[in-house]
Amino acid sequence: QVRVVESGGGLVQAGGSLRLSCAASGSSVGINVMGWYRQAPGKQRELVGTIGSGGSTIYADSVKGRFTISRDNAKNTVSLQMNRLQPEDTGVYYCNANYRGRWYWGQGTQVTVSS
């Protein structure tokens, strides 16, 4: 069993930055991919980006060049650095982790970008 907990959300003005963190605990040795998703009000959850255990990353086109995912395998943590935030980045951001073929999700953290 893996427990995933996000932190670092908040309110920021357009053009600003936020850094989200996510920690996976429990039976966490051997976690494979970790990722970030977001869900805006009234919309479906969408991929923000993922990072493999070797550090390879994938980003949604909408965040490329603005967001950066990094990872500390020793601590089973993943971070999402968000720069040049826009109102359309507003939503609940979720972290997930893949362990032995199963995905584990956090409860989410709210990010609100004001115009």
C-alpha atoms as a PDB file:
ATOM      1  CA  GLN A   1       0.000   0.000   0.000  1.00  0.00           C
ATOM      2  CA  VAL A   2       1.255   3.466  -0.930  1.00  0.00           C
ATOM      3  CA  ARG A   3       0.061   6.754   0.515  1.00  0.00           C
ATOM      4  CA  VAL A   4       0.435   9.847  -1.633  1.00  0.00           C
ATOM      5  CA  VAL A   5       0.232  13.347  -0.154  1.00  0.00           C
ATOM      6  CA  GLU A   6       0.489  16.651  -2.010  1.00  0.00           C
ATOM      7  CA  SER A   7       1.354  20.053  -0.582  1.00  0.00           C
ATOM      8  CA  GLY A   8       2.157  23.562  -1.721  1.00  0.00           C
ATOM      9  CA  GLY A   9      -0.991  24.810  -3.405  1.00  0.00           C
ATOM     10  CA  GLY A  10      -2.349  28.289  -2.957  1.00  0.00           C
ATOM     11  CA  LEU A  11      -3.377  31.553  -4.562  1.00  0.00           C
ATOM     12  CA  VAL A  12      -1.056  33.382  -6.924  1.00  0.00           C
ATOM     13  CA  GLN A  13      -1.375  36.197  -9.424  1.00  0.00           C
ATOM     14  CA  ALA A  14      -1.004  35.575 -13.135  1.00  0.00           C
ATOM     15  CA  GLY A  15       2.643  35.485 -14.102  1.00  0.00           C
ATOM     16  CA  GLY A  16       3.673  34.191 -10.703  1.00  0.00           C
ATOM     17  CA  SER A  17       5.139  30.888  -9.580  1.00  0.00           C
ATOM     18  CA  LEU A  18       4.248  28.038  -7.256  1.00  0.00           C
ATOM     19  CA  ARG A  19       5.981  24.839  -6.294  1.00  0.00           C
ATOM     20  CA  LEU A  20       4.007  21.718  -5.452  1.00  0.00           C
ATOM     21  CA  SER A  21       5.460  18.769  -3.621  1.00  0.00           C
ATOM     22  CA  CYS A  22       4.324  15.183  -3.357  1.00  0.00           C
ATOM     23  CA  ALA A  23       5.515  12.423  -1.061  1.00  0.00           C
ATOM     24  CA  ALA A  24       4.813   8.718  -1.436  1.00  0.00           C
ATOM     25  CA  SER A  25       5.083   6.634   1.713  1.00  0.00           C
ATOM     26  CA  GLY A  26       4.321   3.094   2.785  1.00  0.00           C
ATOM     27  CA  SER A  27       5.366   0.195   0.599  1.00  0.00           C
ATOM     28  CA  SER A  28       7.150   2.681  -1.599  1.00  0.00           C
ATOM     29  CA  VAL A  29      10.362   0.897  -2.545  1.00  0.00           C
ATOM     30  CA  GLY A  30      10.332   0.433  -6.299  1.00  0.00           C
ATOM     31  CA  ILE A  31       7.911   3.161  -7.275  1.00  0.00           C
ATOM     32  CA  ASN A  32       7.993   3.538 -11.042  1.00  0.00           C
ATOM     33  CA  VAL A  33       6.312   6.511 -12.676  1.00  0.00           C
ATOM     34  CA  MET A  34       5.086   9.476 -10.680  1.00  0.00           C
ATOM     35  CA  GLY A  35       2.961  12.173 -12.170  1.00  0.00           C
ATOM     36  CA  TRP A  36       0.859  15.277 -11.811  1.00  0.00           C
ATOM     37  CA  TYR A  37      -2.673  15.770 -13.051  1.00  0.00           C
ATOM     38  CA  ARG A  38      -5.093  18.647 -12.637  1.00  0.00           C
ATOM     39  CA  GLN A  39      -8.807  19.179 -12.754  1.00  0.00           C
ATOM     40  CA  ALA A  40     -10.379  22.537 -13.435  1.00  0.00           C
ATOM     41  CA  PRO A  41     -13.947  23.279 -12.342  1.00  0.00           C
ATOM     42  CA  GLY A  42     -16.404  21.583 -14.675  1.00  0.00           C
ATOM     43  CA  LYS A  43     -13.683  19.815 -16.632  1.00  0.00           C
ATOM     44  CA  GLN A  44     -12.167  16.366 -16.711  1.00  0.00           C
ATOM     45  CA  ARG A  45      -8.911  15.558 -14.986  1.00  0.00           C
ATOM     46  CA  GLU A  46      -5.991  16.043 -17.364  1.00  0.00           C
ATOM     47  CA  LEU A  47      -2.338  15.145 -17.446  1.00  0.00           C
ATOM     48  CA  VAL A  48       0.174  17.816 -16.471  1.00  0.00           C
ATOM     49  CA  GLY A  49       3.286  15.655 -16.680  1.00  0.00           C
ATOM     50  CA  THR A  50       5.022  12.512 -15.551  1.00  0.00           C
ATOM     51  CA  ILE A  51       8.509  11.474 -14.535  1.00  0.00           C
ATOM     52  CA  GLY A  52       9.968   7.994 -14.634  1.00  0.00           C
ATOM     53  CA  SER A  53      12.296   6.496 -12.080  1.00  0.00           C
ATOM     54  CA  GLY A  54      15.198   7.308 -14.424  1.00  0.00           C
ATOM     55  CA  GLY A  55      14.191  10.940 -14.695  1.00  0.00           C
ATOM     56  CA  SER A  56      12.557  10.938 -18.124  1.00  0.00           C
ATOM     57  CA  THR A  57       9.695  13.407 -18.317  1.00  0.00           C
ATOM     58  CA  ILE A  58       6.565  13.961 -20.349  1.00  0.00           C
ATOM     59  CA  TYR A  59       4.623  17.230 -20.297  1.00  0.00           C
ATOM     60  CA  ALA A  60       1.279  18.349 -21.611  1.00  0.00           C
ATOM     61  CA  ASP A  61       1.658  20.850 -24.450  1.00  0.00           C
ATOM     62  CA  SER A  62      -0.130  23.488 -22.383  1.00  0.00           C
ATOM     63  CA  VAL A  63       2.604  23.527 -19.714  1.00  0.00           C
ATOM     64  CA  LYS A  64       5.762  22.851 -21.733  1.00  0.00           C
ATOM     65  CA  GLY A  65       8.389  25.481 -21.062  1.00  0.00           C
ATOM     66  CA  ARG A  66       6.587  26.742 -17.952  1.00  0.00           C
ATOM     67  CA  PHE A  67       6.357  23.726 -15.642  1.00  0.00           C
ATOM     68  CA  THR A  68       9.175  21.432 -14.515  1.00  0.00           C
ATOM     69  CA  ILE A  69       8.858  18.083 -12.769  1.00  0.00           C
ATOM     70  CA  SER A  70      11.697  16.764 -10.650  1.00  0.00           C
ATOM     71  CA  ARG A  71      12.080  13.757  -8.444  1.00  0.00           C
ATOM     72  CA  ASP A  72      14.076  12.432  -5.512  1.00  0.00           C
ATOM     73  CA  ASN A  73      14.038   8.650  -5.697  1.00  0.00           C
ATOM     74  CA  ALA A  74      15.713   8.235  -2.323  1.00  0.00           C
ATOM     75  CA  LYS A  75      12.896  10.143  -0.627  1.00  0.00           C
ATOM     76  CA  ASN A  76      10.107   9.067  -2.997  1.00  0.00           C
ATOM     77  CA  THR A  77       9.142  12.654  -3.580  1.00  0.00           C
ATOM     78  CA  VAL A  78       8.248  14.526  -6.731  1.00  0.00           C
ATOM     79  CA  SER A  79       7.962  18.267  -7.225  1.00  0.00           C
ATOM     80  CA  LEU A  80       6.182  20.432  -9.748  1.00  0.00           C
ATOM     81  CA  GLN A  81       7.696  23.862 -10.310  1.00  0.00           C
ATOM     82  CA  MET A  82       5.128  26.075 -12.023  1.00  0.00           C
ATOM     83  CA  ASN A  83       6.258  29.360 -13.568  1.00  0.00           C
ATOM     84  CA  ARG A  84       4.415  32.003 -15.570  1.00  0.00           C
ATOM     85  CA  LEU A  85       1.124  30.774 -14.194  1.00  0.00           C
ATOM     86  CA  GLN A  86      -2.064  31.737 -15.999  1.00  0.00           C
ATOM     87  CA  PRO A  87      -5.714  31.737 -14.877  1.00  0.00           C
ATOM     88  CA  GLU A  88      -6.313  28.655 -17.010  1.00  0.00           C
ATOM     89  CA  ASP A  89      -3.870  26.777 -14.770  1.00  0.00           C
ATOM     90  CA  THR A  90      -6.385  27.026 -11.929  1.00  0.00           C
ATOM     91  CA  GLY A  91      -7.587  23.712 -10.576  1.00  0.00           C
ATOM     92  CA  VAL A  92      -6.990  20.918  -8.146  1.00  0.00           C
ATOM     93  CA  TYR A  93      -3.613  19.327  -8.729  1.00  0.00           C
ATOM     94  CA  TYR A  94      -3.228  15.642  -8.026  1.00  0.00           C
ATOM     95  CA  CYS A  95      -0.098  13.560  -7.661  1.00  0.00           C
ATOM     96  CA  ASN A  96       0.000   9.875  -8.456  1.00  0.00           C
ATOM     97  CA  ALA A  97       2.504   7.073  -8.180  1.00  0.00           C
ATOM     98  CA  ASN A  98       2.743   3.723  -9.902  1.00  0.00           C
ATOM     99  CA  TYR A  99       3.797   0.847  -7.692  1.00  0.00           C
ATOM    100  CA  ARG A 100       3.736  -2.732  -8.918  1.00  0.00           C
ATOM    101  CA  GLY A 101       1.339  -1.853 -11.701  1.00  0.00           C
ATOM    102  CA  ARG A 102      -1.171  -0.054  -9.535  1.00  0.00           C
ATOM    103  CA  TRP A 103      -1.765   3.690  -9.435  1.00  0.00           C
ATOM    104  CA  TYR A 104      -2.085   5.490  -6.126  1.00  0.00           C
ATOM    105  CA  TRP A 105      -3.518   8.994  -5.930  1.00  0.00           C
ATOM    106  CA  GLY A 106      -3.288  11.834  -3.487  1.00  0.00           C
ATOM    107  CA  GLN A 107      -6.217  13.935  -2.309  1.00  0.00           C
ATOM    108  CA  GLY A 108      -5.177  16.934  -4.358  1.00  0.00           C
ATOM    109  CA  THR A 109      -4.122  20.497  -3.627  1.00  0.00           C
ATOM    110  CA  GLN A 110      -5.861  23.624  -4.883  1.00  0.00           C
ATOM    111  CA  VAL A 111      -4.061  26.061  -7.160  1.00  0.00           C
ATOM    112  CA  THR A 112      -5.808  29.318  -7.952  1.00  0.00           C
ATOM    113  CA  VAL A 113      -4.355  31.848 -10.373  1.00  0.00           C
ATOM    114  CA  SER A 114      -5.965  35.275 -10.347  1.00  0.00           C
ATOM    115  CA  SER A 115      -5.937  37.557 -13.369  1.00  0.00           C
END
